[in-house]
Protein backbone atom coordinates (compact mmCIF):
# COMPACT_ATOMS: atom_id res chain seq x y z
CA UNK A 1 83.82 109.82 107.44
CA UNK A 2 85.48 111.75 104.62
CA UNK A 3 84.38 110.12 101.38
CA UNK A 4 84.84 111.16 97.75
CA UNK A 5 83.70 109.66 94.46
CA UNK A 6 86.18 110.19 91.60
CA UNK A 7 85.77 109.11 87.97
CA UNK A 8 89.14 109.91 86.37
CA UNK A 9 92.68 111.14 86.98
CA UNK A 10 91.77 114.78 86.31
CA UNK A 11 89.11 114.66 89.01
CA UNK A 12 91.67 113.08 91.35
CA UNK A 13 94.07 115.97 90.77
CA UNK A 14 91.25 118.42 91.53
CA UNK A 15 90.38 116.42 94.66
CA UNK A 16 93.94 116.79 95.94
CA UNK A 17 93.76 120.57 95.56
CA UNK A 18 90.24 120.99 96.94
CA UNK A 19 90.77 118.72 99.95
CA UNK A 20 94.38 119.66 100.61
CA UNK A 21 93.79 120.64 104.26
CA UNK A 22 91.87 117.43 105.05
CA UNK A 23 94.59 115.29 103.49
CA UNK A 24 97.19 117.25 105.46
CA UNK A 25 95.36 116.36 108.70
CA UNK A 26 95.29 112.69 107.71
CA UNK A 27 99.02 112.66 106.98
CA UNK A 28 99.73 114.24 110.36
CA UNK A 29 97.70 111.50 112.13
CA UNK A 30 99.52 108.78 110.20
CA UNK A 31 102.87 110.37 110.99
CA UNK A 32 102.15 110.39 114.73
CA UNK A 33 101.22 106.70 114.67
CA UNK A 34 104.42 105.84 112.78
CA UNK A 35 106.49 107.77 115.31
CA UNK A 36 104.73 106.30 118.35
CA UNK A 37 105.17 102.68 117.23
CA UNK A 38 108.96 103.07 117.07
CA UNK A 39 109.07 103.13 120.84
CA UNK A 40 106.18 100.83 121.74
CA UNK A 41 106.11 98.29 118.87
CA UNK A 42 102.36 97.95 119.39
CA UNK A 43 99.59 99.91 121.08
CA UNK A 44 95.85 100.59 120.86
CA UNK A 45 93.97 103.71 119.84
CA UNK A 46 90.33 104.48 120.62
CA UNK A 47 87.62 104.83 118.02
CA UNK A 48 84.17 103.71 116.94
CA UNK A 49 83.74 100.34 115.22
CA UNK A 50 81.13 100.37 112.47
CA UNK A 51 81.11 96.57 112.45
CA UNK A 52 80.62 96.30 116.23
CA UNK A 53 78.30 99.32 116.39
CA UNK A 54 80.11 100.50 119.51
CA UNK A 55 83.27 102.15 120.75
CA UNK A 56 86.31 99.91 120.54
CA UNK A 57 90.09 99.83 120.66
CA UNK A 58 92.18 99.31 117.52
CA UNK A 59 95.57 97.62 117.40
CA UNK A 60 98.49 99.41 115.79
CA UNK A 61 101.61 97.30 115.26
CA UNK A 62 104.45 96.71 112.82
CA UNK A 63 103.11 93.57 111.13
CA UNK A 64 103.41 93.86 107.30
CA UNK A 65 105.43 97.06 107.74
CA UNK A 66 108.09 97.76 105.10
CA UNK A 67 110.47 98.87 107.84
CA UNK A 68 109.92 102.57 107.28
CA UNK A 69 106.16 102.91 107.29
CA UNK A 70 103.31 101.05 108.98
CA UNK A 71 100.88 99.04 106.88
CA UNK A 72 97.82 100.56 108.52
CA UNK A 73 95.55 99.29 105.73
CA UNK A 74 95.98 95.73 106.96
CA UNK A 75 96.19 96.52 110.67
CA UNK A 76 94.12 98.73 113.04
CA UNK A 77 92.43 95.52 114.19
CA UNK A 78 89.13 96.11 115.98
CA UNK A 79 89.35 94.58 119.45
CA UNK A 80 85.70 93.45 119.26
CA UNK A 81 85.20 92.11 115.73
CA UNK A 82 88.89 91.38 114.92
CA UNK A 83 88.36 92.98 111.51
CA UNK A 84 91.15 95.18 110.17
CA UNK A 85 91.08 98.66 108.68
CA UNK A 86 90.54 97.45 105.11
CA UNK A 87 87.66 95.06 105.82
CA UNK A 88 85.87 97.36 108.25
CA UNK A 89 86.05 100.15 105.70
CA UNK A 90 84.70 97.93 102.91
CA UNK A 91 81.65 97.05 104.99
CA UNK A 92 81.09 100.67 106.05
CA UNK A 93 81.24 102.01 102.49
CA UNK A 94 79.05 99.16 101.19
CA UNK A 95 76.33 99.78 103.76
CA UNK A 96 76.50 103.57 103.73
CA UNK A 97 76.51 104.17 99.98
CA UNK A 98 74.45 101.23 98.72
CA UNK A 99 72.11 100.59 101.66
CA UNK A 100 71.71 96.86 100.92
CA UNK A 101 68.66 94.99 102.17
CA UNK A 102 69.12 91.94 104.37
CA UNK A 103 67.64 89.65 101.70
CA UNK A 104 69.62 91.03 98.75
CA UNK A 105 71.63 88.36 96.96
CA UNK A 106 75.36 88.99 97.40
CA UNK A 107 78.30 87.13 95.88
CA UNK A 108 81.70 87.40 97.59
CA UNK A 109 84.95 86.14 96.13
CA UNK A 110 85.97 84.83 99.54
CA UNK A 111 84.37 82.33 101.89
CA UNK A 112 86.59 81.42 104.84
CA UNK A 113 87.68 84.91 105.94
CA UNK A 114 86.48 86.88 108.97
CA UNK A 115 84.87 89.32 106.55
CA UNK A 116 82.87 86.54 104.87
CA UNK A 117 81.80 85.22 108.27
CA UNK A 118 80.64 88.70 109.36
CA UNK A 119 78.65 89.16 106.14
CA UNK A 120 77.02 85.73 106.46
CA UNK A 121 75.99 86.48 110.03
CA UNK A 122 74.21 89.67 108.98
CA UNK A 123 72.85 89.07 105.47
CA UNK A 124 70.51 86.26 104.47
CA UNK A 125 71.68 85.48 100.92
CA UNK A 126 75.47 85.61 100.79
CA UNK A 127 77.23 83.23 98.43
CA UNK A 128 80.98 82.92 98.93
CA UNK A 129 83.69 81.00 97.15
CA UNK A 130 87.43 80.36 97.05
CA UNK A 131 89.73 79.46 94.18
CA UNK A 132 91.38 76.04 94.40
CA UNK A 133 94.74 76.52 92.74
CA UNK A 134 95.57 72.97 93.80
CA UNK A 135 92.53 70.91 92.83
CA UNK A 136 93.82 67.46 93.72
CA UNK A 137 91.48 65.21 95.71
CA UNK A 138 93.88 65.11 98.67
CA UNK A 139 94.05 68.90 98.84
CA UNK A 140 90.27 69.19 98.72
CA UNK A 141 89.92 66.65 101.53
CA UNK A 142 92.41 68.61 103.67
CA UNK A 143 90.40 71.79 103.13
CA UNK A 144 87.13 70.05 103.96
CA UNK A 145 88.62 68.86 107.26
CA UNK A 146 90.27 72.18 108.08
CA UNK A 147 87.20 74.34 107.53
CA UNK A 148 84.47 71.88 108.58
CA UNK A 149 81.50 72.48 108.82
CA UNK A 150 81.92 75.11 106.07
CA UNK A 151 81.56 73.54 102.63
CA UNK A 152 84.02 75.49 100.53
CA UNK A 153 82.77 76.30 97.04
CA UNK A 154 85.34 76.52 94.25
CA UNK A 155 84.78 79.21 91.64
CA UNK A 156 86.98 80.46 88.82
CA UNK A 157 86.10 84.12 88.28
CA UNK A 158 86.86 83.82 84.57
CA UNK A 159 84.12 81.17 84.17
CA UNK A 160 81.59 81.38 86.98
CA UNK A 161 78.98 78.61 87.11
CA UNK A 162 76.15 80.93 88.20
CA UNK A 163 73.16 81.84 86.06
CA UNK A 164 73.12 85.31 84.53
CA UNK A 165 71.55 88.28 86.31
CA UNK A 166 71.06 86.80 89.78
CA UNK A 167 73.11 88.96 92.18
CA UNK A 168 72.34 92.43 93.51
CA UNK A 169 75.97 92.90 94.53
CA UNK A 170 79.35 91.36 93.90
CA UNK A 171 82.02 92.08 96.51
CA UNK A 172 85.64 91.27 95.75
CA UNK A 173 88.53 92.50 97.85
CA UNK A 174 92.14 92.12 96.70
CA UNK A 175 91.35 89.38 94.19
CA UNK A 176 91.46 90.60 90.55
CA UNK A 177 95.19 91.34 90.69
CA UNK A 178 95.79 87.60 91.06
CA UNK A 179 93.91 86.73 87.85
CA UNK A 180 96.12 86.84 84.74
CA UNK A 181 93.07 87.24 82.47
CA UNK A 182 91.16 89.58 84.75
CA UNK A 183 89.15 91.13 81.89
CA UNK A 184 87.37 87.78 81.49
CA UNK A 185 86.57 87.94 85.20
CA UNK A 186 85.10 91.44 84.84
CA UNK A 187 82.85 90.19 82.03
CA UNK A 188 81.69 87.28 84.17
CA UNK A 189 80.87 89.58 87.08
CA UNK A 190 78.91 91.84 84.72
CA UNK A 191 77.01 88.78 83.47
CA UNK A 192 75.91 87.50 86.89
CA UNK A 193 74.81 90.92 88.20
CA UNK A 194 71.18 91.95 87.98
CA UNK A 195 70.29 95.14 86.06
CA UNK A 196 71.43 98.07 88.25
CA UNK A 197 73.58 95.65 90.25
CA UNK A 198 76.89 96.86 91.63
CA UNK A 199 80.42 95.53 91.86
CA UNK A 200 82.44 96.85 94.80
CA UNK A 201 86.07 95.78 94.92
CA UNK A 202 89.62 96.62 95.85
CA UNK A 203 92.90 95.95 94.08
CA UNK A 204 96.42 97.38 94.32
CA UNK A 205 95.81 100.77 92.70
CA UNK A 206 98.29 103.52 91.84
CA UNK A 207 96.37 106.79 92.01
CA UNK A 208 99.17 108.57 90.18
CA UNK A 209 99.28 106.23 87.19
CA UNK A 210 97.04 106.37 84.13
CA UNK A 211 98.08 102.89 83.03
CA UNK A 212 97.98 99.44 84.60
CA UNK A 213 101.35 97.98 85.57
CA UNK A 214 101.78 94.38 84.40
CA UNK A 215 103.91 92.71 87.05
CA UNK A 216 103.90 89.21 85.55
CA UNK A 217 102.47 87.23 82.65
CA UNK A 218 101.66 83.56 82.17
CA UNK A 219 101.77 81.51 78.99
CA UNK A 220 101.25 77.76 78.73
CA UNK A 221 101.60 77.51 82.50
CA UNK A 222 104.92 79.34 82.59
CA UNK A 223 105.11 82.58 84.59
CA UNK A 224 107.32 85.42 83.41
CA UNK A 225 108.09 88.11 86.00
CA UNK A 226 108.36 91.65 84.65
CA UNK A 227 108.93 93.26 88.07
CA UNK A 228 110.01 92.05 91.49
CA UNK A 229 107.54 89.27 92.40
CA UNK A 230 104.88 90.35 94.88
CA UNK A 231 102.86 87.78 96.82
CA UNK A 232 99.74 88.40 98.91
CA UNK A 233 98.21 86.27 101.64
CA UNK A 234 96.04 83.30 100.70
CA UNK A 235 93.96 81.47 103.33
CA UNK A 236 94.13 78.27 101.28
CA UNK A 237 97.89 78.26 100.65
CA UNK A 238 100.98 79.09 102.68
CA UNK A 239 102.74 80.10 99.45
CA UNK A 240 100.48 83.11 99.01
CA UNK A 241 99.15 84.44 95.69
CA UNK A 242 101.25 86.10 93.02
CA UNK A 243 100.07 89.59 92.07
CA UNK A 244 100.03 90.01 88.28
CA UNK A 245 98.98 93.68 88.26
CA UNK A 246 99.06 97.03 89.98
CA UNK A 247 96.18 98.92 88.43
CA UNK A 248 95.85 102.53 87.33
CA UNK A 249 93.03 104.71 86.03
CA UNK A 250 92.96 102.61 82.87
CA UNK A 251 90.96 100.07 84.87
CA UNK A 252 87.92 102.36 85.03
CA UNK A 253 87.80 102.63 81.26
CA UNK A 254 88.08 98.84 81.01
CA UNK A 255 85.07 98.51 83.32
CA UNK A 256 83.07 100.87 81.09
CA UNK A 257 84.07 98.91 77.97
CA UNK A 258 82.87 95.74 79.73
CA UNK A 259 79.40 97.31 79.82
CA UNK A 260 79.16 98.99 83.21
CA UNK A 261 77.34 102.30 82.89
CA UNK A 262 79.32 103.92 85.73
CA UNK A 263 82.76 103.20 87.15
CA UNK A 264 84.49 105.29 89.80
CA UNK A 265 86.97 105.29 92.64
CA UNK A 266 85.81 105.79 96.24
CA UNK A 267 88.40 107.47 98.46
CA UNK A 268 87.68 107.55 102.18
CA UNK A 269 89.27 108.00 105.58
CA UNK A 270 88.17 108.66 109.12
CA UNK A 271 89.88 109.32 112.44
CA UNK A 272 86.68 108.45 114.32
CA UNK A 273 86.31 105.03 112.65
CA UNK A 274 90.08 104.44 112.43
CA UNK A 275 90.30 104.27 108.64
CA UNK A 276 93.84 105.58 108.42
CA UNK A 277 97.06 104.97 106.50
CA UNK A 278 96.33 107.41 103.70
CA UNK A 279 93.06 107.64 101.82
CA UNK A 280 91.61 104.16 101.47
CA UNK A 281 90.65 103.05 97.95
CA UNK A 282 87.62 101.12 96.71
CA UNK A 283 86.31 100.80 93.17
CA UNK A 284 82.64 100.66 92.20
CA UNK A 285 81.11 99.64 88.87
CA UNK A 286 77.36 99.95 88.30
CA UNK A 287 75.53 97.81 85.74
């Protein structure tokens, strides 16, 4: 797996120059997949599944495509674990770089996903949660019935009800962009992490932007859209979740101001493991 740790935009520019040939190879692979799908609509490619610990086939199709380019980040579904490119890569990076122990205490900002299920099956002390946007009694009852026997735990990342300093790791994938006051959430994550604990997360991130893009704001319950509204999937709601931000390198400085001693981007890709669709992006903050 090609993996690079990058702390700022200048280092990213240097990365592009230093690894130009590798990135060129990746773009050629992506291009071939985009061309092949035009005739077949869907097909499988061979690779090795980190989550299955064996060879597998990976589905390539046009779901979530913008019409011109495949959304490989959300596809490349492993035929054995049913996990997509993004979730398989998150697990691989987490286990390879951090080497977590089975009894480490891990908090995930998701609970009913395939990723959460995989993590719970492997690790002994995983705590997951979902955010109940609709907190009426009837809605909660519907969720209890739908996901039985899982007891869904509601958590608001801006005011977690956990004690301070109890988690070795916090994992959050495509969540912070949906929180209007995400800086409060970053402070809460910092609070509940143990000393030397780590936050690993993903958000929509523009590698070529120094600043965060504010897509929408909310005041007194009223949402004001500053760009074309963008909604992401939500397992608890058919409406999806509004994305308030597309982040830039400014986010790393915000993590450092929160108190994290290190904050950096992890860029990775692999033909062998089928992490394709451009360099995949994760963000790490170390307490």
